[in-house]
Amino acid sequence: MRNLLILCVAVIVFSSCEEVGPNIIFTEPEAPLLDSSFVADNIEEAQLKNILMEEFTGVRCPNCPAGAELAEQLAAANPGRVQIVSIHSGFFSIPFPNEPDFKISEGEEIEALLGLAAGYPSAALDRKTHAGENTIIVTSNSWQSIIDNTINTPTSVNVNLETEWDGDTRKLTIRTNTHFTAALSGDYRLSIALLENDIVSPQDVDGVVVDTYVHKHVLRGMVTPFNGIPLATDPVAGETFLKDYEVEGVDASWIADNLEVVVFVNQAGNTIEVLQVNHASVL
């Protein structure tokens, strides 16, 4: 997607806030950001923890549809609280002849970052090694217990976003707001992903290729680099970051009604745990 999009970043700071950096426009997705931020007078109430579920899958994986169904059930049981990102990577993601290729370089890089999946279906939940597990990416047998143990945990950073869509130019505007509700130490990064739902394309289901299979939450690309952009170092309570992103030339084959944006904040360094995630439909 990096080759298909031109990314323009405009940082917004209210006039009543203390400015930390200048407003800068970037034309390259890889360009480093100079963060602008302010410390709010009032600290927001902490959001409950939403869960980022990065599901590793592929069109040639006969067991993956069962994993996708389980992921949907877990998300439905916790409305709006479990964000699935379906990443097609590895051998199983080789497309069928004359069919769409859902594998992208960012997906492969994310899987390598998290430690590679021992088998499919599997998923990383909040990019951390949970109690009783030895790896970040785990099999579907562990998903429900991890979600049940995590879903009601308060978070130390609130993540919100809004989107605007220009159908004539296929320009997507993403407004992000990250607000730390507690003082933290260390470095933190911001990631923005673009997903597409309801893509009808062949899938191996228990050894039978189903031409009318409906793929959901497919990772189409990263607006940021695959491992995010620097957001904050040792943030204080009330520190807030407001950033706008304009993505021009969104692929014409992607259906705007089915697109969604996912934004999350994670730690950086030896620990890459996701603190909070949120999403919004493009329309």
Protein backbone atom coordinates (compact mmCIF):
# COMPACT_ATOMS: atom_id res chain seq x y z
CA MET A 1 0.00 0.00 0.00
CA ARG A 2 2.95 2.32 0.59
CA ASN A 3 3.52 2.49 -3.15
CA LEU A 4 -0.14 3.22 -3.82
CA LEU A 5 -0.73 6.02 -1.38
CA ILE A 6 0.61 9.48 -0.75
CA LEU A 7 0.56 10.23 2.95
CA CYS A 8 0.21 13.77 4.17
CA VAL A 9 0.40 14.36 7.89
CA ALA A 10 -0.96 17.51 9.43
CA VAL A 11 -0.62 17.93 13.18
CA ILE A 12 -3.33 19.95 14.88
CA VAL A 13 -2.78 21.79 18.15
CA PHE A 14 -5.47 23.94 19.76
CA SER A 15 -4.52 27.56 20.33
CA SER A 16 -5.06 27.18 24.09
CA CYS A 17 -2.49 24.38 24.30
CA GLU A 18 1.23 24.44 24.79
CA GLU A 19 2.89 23.63 21.49
CA VAL A 20 5.82 21.23 21.50
CA GLY A 21 6.58 21.00 17.77
CA PRO A 22 5.80 22.76 14.49
CA ASN A 23 3.12 21.81 12.01
CA ILE A 24 4.79 19.77 9.26
CA ILE A 25 3.49 18.04 6.15
CA PHE A 26 5.12 14.79 5.12
CA THR A 27 4.82 13.24 1.68
CA GLU A 28 6.61 9.96 2.48
CA PRO A 29 5.06 7.32 4.77
CA GLU A 30 8.51 6.41 6.09
CA ALA A 31 9.37 9.97 7.13
CA PRO A 32 9.85 10.50 10.89
CA LEU A 33 7.27 12.62 12.67
CA LEU A 34 7.94 15.58 14.94
CA ASP A 35 5.20 15.14 17.55
CA SER A 36 3.08 18.05 18.68
CA SER A 37 1.32 17.67 21.99
CA PHE A 38 -0.26 19.44 24.91
CA VAL A 39 -0.98 18.58 28.51
CA ALA A 40 -4.71 18.82 29.17
CA ASP A 41 -5.96 20.56 32.30
CA ASN A 42 -8.44 17.74 32.91
CA ILE A 43 -7.43 14.09 32.75
CA GLU A 44 -9.99 11.95 30.96
CA GLU A 45 -11.57 8.91 32.58
CA ALA A 46 -9.63 5.85 31.46
CA GLN A 47 -11.26 3.75 28.76
CA LEU A 48 -11.72 0.03 29.32
CA LYS A 49 -9.11 -2.00 27.50
CA ASN A 50 -10.02 -2.99 23.95
CA ILE A 51 -8.13 -5.98 22.54
CA LEU A 52 -6.14 -6.04 19.33
CA MET A 53 -6.40 -9.52 17.78
CA GLU A 54 -3.98 -9.98 14.89
CA GLU A 55 -5.15 -13.20 13.26
CA PHE A 56 -2.74 -14.96 10.91
CA THR A 57 -4.43 -16.76 8.06
CA GLY A 58 -4.29 -17.63 4.36
CA VAL A 59 -6.58 -18.56 1.49
CA ARG A 60 -4.96 -22.01 1.20
CA CYS A 61 -5.28 -22.80 4.91
CA PRO A 62 -8.11 -25.38 5.30
CA ASN A 63 -8.36 -24.87 9.08
CA CYS A 64 -8.33 -21.08 9.04
CA PRO A 65 -12.07 -20.54 8.38
CA ALA A 66 -12.82 -22.23 11.71
CA GLY A 67 -10.39 -19.83 13.38
CA ALA A 68 -12.00 -16.85 11.65
CA GLU A 69 -15.42 -18.02 12.83
CA LEU A 70 -14.19 -18.32 16.42
CA ALA A 71 -12.65 -14.85 16.25
CA GLU A 72 -15.98 -13.44 15.01
CA GLN A 73 -17.81 -15.15 17.87
CA LEU A 74 -15.43 -13.71 20.45
CA ALA A 75 -15.79 -10.24 18.96
CA ALA A 76 -19.59 -10.55 18.89
CA ALA A 77 -19.59 -11.57 22.56
CA ASN A 78 -17.69 -8.36 23.39
CA PRO A 79 -19.24 -5.75 21.05
CA GLY A 80 -16.78 -3.09 19.96
CA ARG A 81 -14.10 -4.38 22.31
CA VAL A 82 -12.20 -6.93 20.20
CA GLN A 83 -10.62 -5.57 17.02
CA ILE A 84 -9.69 -8.30 14.56
CA VAL A 85 -6.95 -7.68 11.99
CA SER A 86 -6.72 -10.56 9.52
CA ILE A 87 -3.15 -10.88 8.22
CA HIS A 88 -2.50 -13.11 5.22
CA SER A 89 1.10 -14.28 5.38
CA GLY A 90 3.31 -17.28 4.74
CA PHE A 91 2.82 -20.22 2.37
CA PHE A 92 -0.93 -20.45 2.97
CA SER A 93 -1.45 -16.94 1.61
CA ILE A 94 -0.28 -17.70 -1.94
CA PRO A 95 -3.31 -16.64 -4.03
CA PHE A 96 -5.26 -18.96 -6.24
CA PRO A 97 -4.71 -18.41 -10.01
CA ASN A 98 -6.26 -15.16 -11.29
CA GLU A 99 -7.50 -14.28 -7.78
CA PRO A 100 -6.62 -11.34 -5.49
CA ASP A 101 -3.41 -11.45 -3.49
CA PHE A 102 -4.11 -10.51 0.14
CA LYS A 103 -0.49 -10.89 1.23
CA ILE A 104 1.35 -7.60 1.74
CA SER A 105 4.86 -6.87 2.93
CA GLU A 106 3.65 -5.20 6.12
CA GLY A 107 1.80 -8.37 7.11
CA GLU A 108 4.94 -10.45 6.69
CA GLU A 109 6.91 -7.88 8.70
CA ILE A 110 4.33 -7.89 11.50
CA GLU A 111 4.46 -11.68 11.78
CA ALA A 112 8.27 -11.58 11.88
CA LEU A 113 8.13 -8.88 14.56
CA LEU A 114 5.82 -10.99 16.72
CA GLY A 115 7.81 -14.19 16.36
CA LEU A 116 6.24 -16.19 13.50
CA ALA A 117 3.23 -18.46 13.87
CA ALA A 118 3.94 -22.13 14.64
CA GLY A 119 0.74 -23.07 12.82
CA TYR A 120 -2.51 -21.64 11.52
CA PRO A 121 -5.01 -20.51 12.66
CA SER A 122 -3.21 -18.47 15.27
CA ALA A 123 -3.30 -14.93 16.59
CA ALA A 124 -1.46 -12.37 18.68
CA LEU A 125 -3.58 -10.66 21.31
CA ASP A 126 -2.22 -7.25 22.28
CA ARG A 127 1.29 -8.26 21.17
CA LYS A 128 2.25 -9.70 24.57
CA THR A 129 3.03 -13.11 26.02
CA HIS A 130 0.11 -13.96 28.29
CA ALA A 131 0.14 -16.07 31.44
CA GLY A 132 0.57 -19.75 30.62
CA GLU A 133 1.94 -19.04 27.12
CA ASN A 134 5.49 -19.11 25.79
CA THR A 135 4.93 -17.02 22.66
CA ILE A 136 3.11 -13.87 21.58
CA ILE A 137 1.31 -15.67 18.73
CA VAL A 138 -0.91 -18.42 20.13
CA THR A 139 -3.31 -21.03 18.77
CA SER A 140 -7.08 -20.63 18.86
CA ASN A 141 -7.35 -22.80 21.98
CA SER A 142 -6.09 -19.87 24.05
CA TRP A 143 -8.04 -16.99 22.56
CA GLN A 144 -11.13 -17.01 24.74
CA SER A 145 -9.32 -17.33 28.08
CA ILE A 146 -6.94 -14.49 27.18
CA ILE A 147 -9.82 -12.22 26.17
CA ASP A 148 -11.82 -13.07 29.29
CA ASN A 149 -8.82 -12.22 31.49
CA THR A 150 -8.06 -8.93 29.70
CA ILE A 151 -11.32 -7.37 28.54
CA ASN A 152 -12.19 -5.42 31.71
CA THR A 153 -8.72 -4.04 32.43
CA PRO A 154 -8.53 -0.21 32.42
CA THR A 155 -6.00 1.33 30.08
CA SER A 156 -3.52 4.12 30.70
CA VAL A 157 -4.06 5.72 27.28
CA ASN A 158 -7.32 6.59 25.55
CA VAL A 159 -7.38 6.23 21.77
CA ASN A 160 -10.04 7.91 19.62
CA LEU A 161 -10.35 8.59 15.92
CA GLU A 162 -12.62 10.02 13.26
CA THR A 163 -12.63 9.55 9.49
CA GLU A 164 -13.75 11.51 6.45
CA TRP A 165 -14.05 10.16 2.93
CA ASP A 166 -14.05 12.00 -0.39
CA GLY A 167 -15.60 9.63 -2.90
CA ASP A 168 -14.61 11.75 -5.90
CA THR A 169 -10.88 11.78 -5.17
CA ARG A 170 -10.84 8.65 -2.96
CA LYS A 171 -9.05 10.64 -0.28
CA LEU A 172 -9.29 9.35 3.27
CA THR A 173 -8.78 11.70 6.21
CA ILE A 174 -7.99 10.12 9.57
CA ARG A 175 -8.04 12.18 12.78
CA THR A 176 -6.41 10.54 15.77
CA ASN A 177 -6.50 11.58 19.43
CA THR A 178 -4.36 9.78 21.99
CA HIS A 179 -4.62 10.89 25.61
CA PHE A 180 -2.54 9.41 28.42
CA THR A 181 -4.60 9.01 31.60
CA ALA A 182 -1.56 8.14 33.73
CA ALA A 183 2.15 8.90 33.77
CA LEU A 184 4.21 6.17 32.12
CA SER A 185 7.88 5.49 31.55
CA GLY A 186 9.42 4.35 28.29
CA ASP A 187 8.70 4.89 24.61
CA TYR A 188 5.35 4.47 22.88
CA ARG A 189 4.39 4.16 19.22
CA LEU A 190 1.26 4.84 17.17
CA SER A 191 0.10 2.53 14.35
CA ILE A 192 -2.68 3.01 11.80
CA ALA A 193 -3.97 0.16 9.64
CA LEU A 194 -6.52 0.04 6.84
CA LEU A 195 -8.76 -3.05 6.62
CA GLU A 196 -11.41 -4.25 4.17
CA ASN A 197 -14.42 -6.42 5.01
CA ASP A 198 -16.76 -8.63 2.99
CA ILE A 199 -14.38 -9.52 0.17
CA VAL A 200 -15.79 -12.46 -1.80
CA SER A 201 -12.88 -14.60 -2.97
CA PRO A 202 -11.92 -18.30 -2.94
CA GLN A 203 -10.85 -19.97 0.29
CA ASP A 204 -9.88 -23.53 1.15
CA VAL A 205 -12.44 -24.71 3.73
CA ASP A 206 -11.64 -28.14 5.18
CA GLY A 207 -9.97 -29.18 1.94
CA VAL A 208 -12.65 -27.81 -0.40
CA VAL A 209 -12.12 -24.52 -2.28
CA VAL A 210 -15.19 -22.32 -1.76
CA ASP A 211 -15.39 -19.63 -4.44
CA THR A 212 -17.96 -17.52 -2.55
CA TYR A 213 -16.11 -17.32 0.76
CA VAL A 214 -16.44 -13.93 2.51
CA HIS A 215 -13.16 -12.60 3.90
CA LYS A 216 -13.35 -10.09 6.76
CA HIS A 217 -10.92 -7.68 8.45
CA VAL A 218 -8.32 -8.16 5.70
CA LEU A 219 -5.24 -6.01 6.30
CA ARG A 220 -4.95 -3.97 3.11
CA GLY A 221 -2.08 -1.79 4.22
CA MET A 222 -0.48 0.35 6.90
CA VAL A 223 -0.80 4.12 6.85
CA THR A 224 2.18 4.19 9.21
CA PRO A 225 5.18 1.86 8.90
CA PHE A 226 4.39 -1.69 10.02
CA ASN A 227 5.81 -1.08 13.51
CA GLY A 228 4.28 2.35 13.96
CA ILE A 229 5.71 5.82 14.46
CA PRO A 230 7.22 7.33 17.62
CA LEU A 231 4.45 8.89 19.70
CA ALA A 232 5.68 9.64 23.23
CA THR A 233 8.57 9.19 25.64
CA ASP A 234 7.82 9.11 29.37
CA PRO A 235 4.36 10.67 28.89
CA VAL A 236 2.72 12.46 31.81
CA ALA A 237 -0.92 12.18 32.84
CA GLY A 238 -3.05 14.34 30.54
CA GLU A 239 -0.51 14.45 27.72
CA THR A 240 -2.46 14.43 24.47
CA PHE A 241 -1.47 13.95 20.85
CA LEU A 242 -3.69 15.12 17.98
CA LYS A 243 -2.70 14.07 14.47
CA ASP A 244 -4.48 14.18 11.14
CA TYR A 245 -3.55 11.96 8.21
CA GLU A 246 -4.66 12.40 4.62
CA VAL A 247 -4.35 9.27 2.48
CA GLU A 248 -4.80 10.05 -1.20
CA GLY A 249 -5.49 7.63 -4.02
CA VAL A 250 -6.96 4.73 -2.06
CA ASP A 251 -7.07 1.71 -4.39
CA ALA A 252 -10.11 1.92 -6.66
CA SER A 253 -10.87 -1.78 -6.24
CA TRP A 254 -11.39 -1.43 -2.50
CA ILE A 255 -15.04 -0.78 -1.57
CA ALA A 256 -15.30 2.27 0.67
CA ASP A 257 -18.38 0.94 2.45
CA ASN A 258 -16.31 -2.03 3.60
CA LEU A 259 -13.17 -0.19 4.73
CA GLU A 260 -12.26 0.45 8.34
CA VAL A 261 -9.37 2.19 10.08
CA VAL A 262 -7.66 0.71 13.13
CA VAL A 263 -5.47 2.82 15.42
CA PHE A 264 -3.46 1.49 18.35
CA VAL A 265 -0.73 2.52 20.78
CA ASN A 266 1.95 0.09 21.94
CA GLN A 267 5.12 0.08 23.95
CA ALA A 268 8.44 0.16 22.12
CA GLY A 269 11.58 -1.82 22.82
CA ASN A 270 11.86 -5.29 24.28
CA THR A 271 8.17 -5.13 25.22
CA ILE A 272 5.73 -4.22 22.46
CA GLU A 273 2.46 -4.68 24.33
CA VAL A 274 -0.56 -2.84 22.91
CA LEU A 275 -2.06 -0.49 25.49
CA GLN A 276 -5.21 0.42 23.59
CA VAL A 277 -6.84 0.05 20.17
CA ASN A 278 -9.85 1.64 18.51
CA HIS A 279 -11.42 1.64 15.07
CA ALA A 280 -13.83 3.54 12.81
CA SER A 281 -15.50 2.82 9.50
CA VAL A 282 -14.33 4.89 6.55
CA LEU A 283 -17.95 5.86 5.81
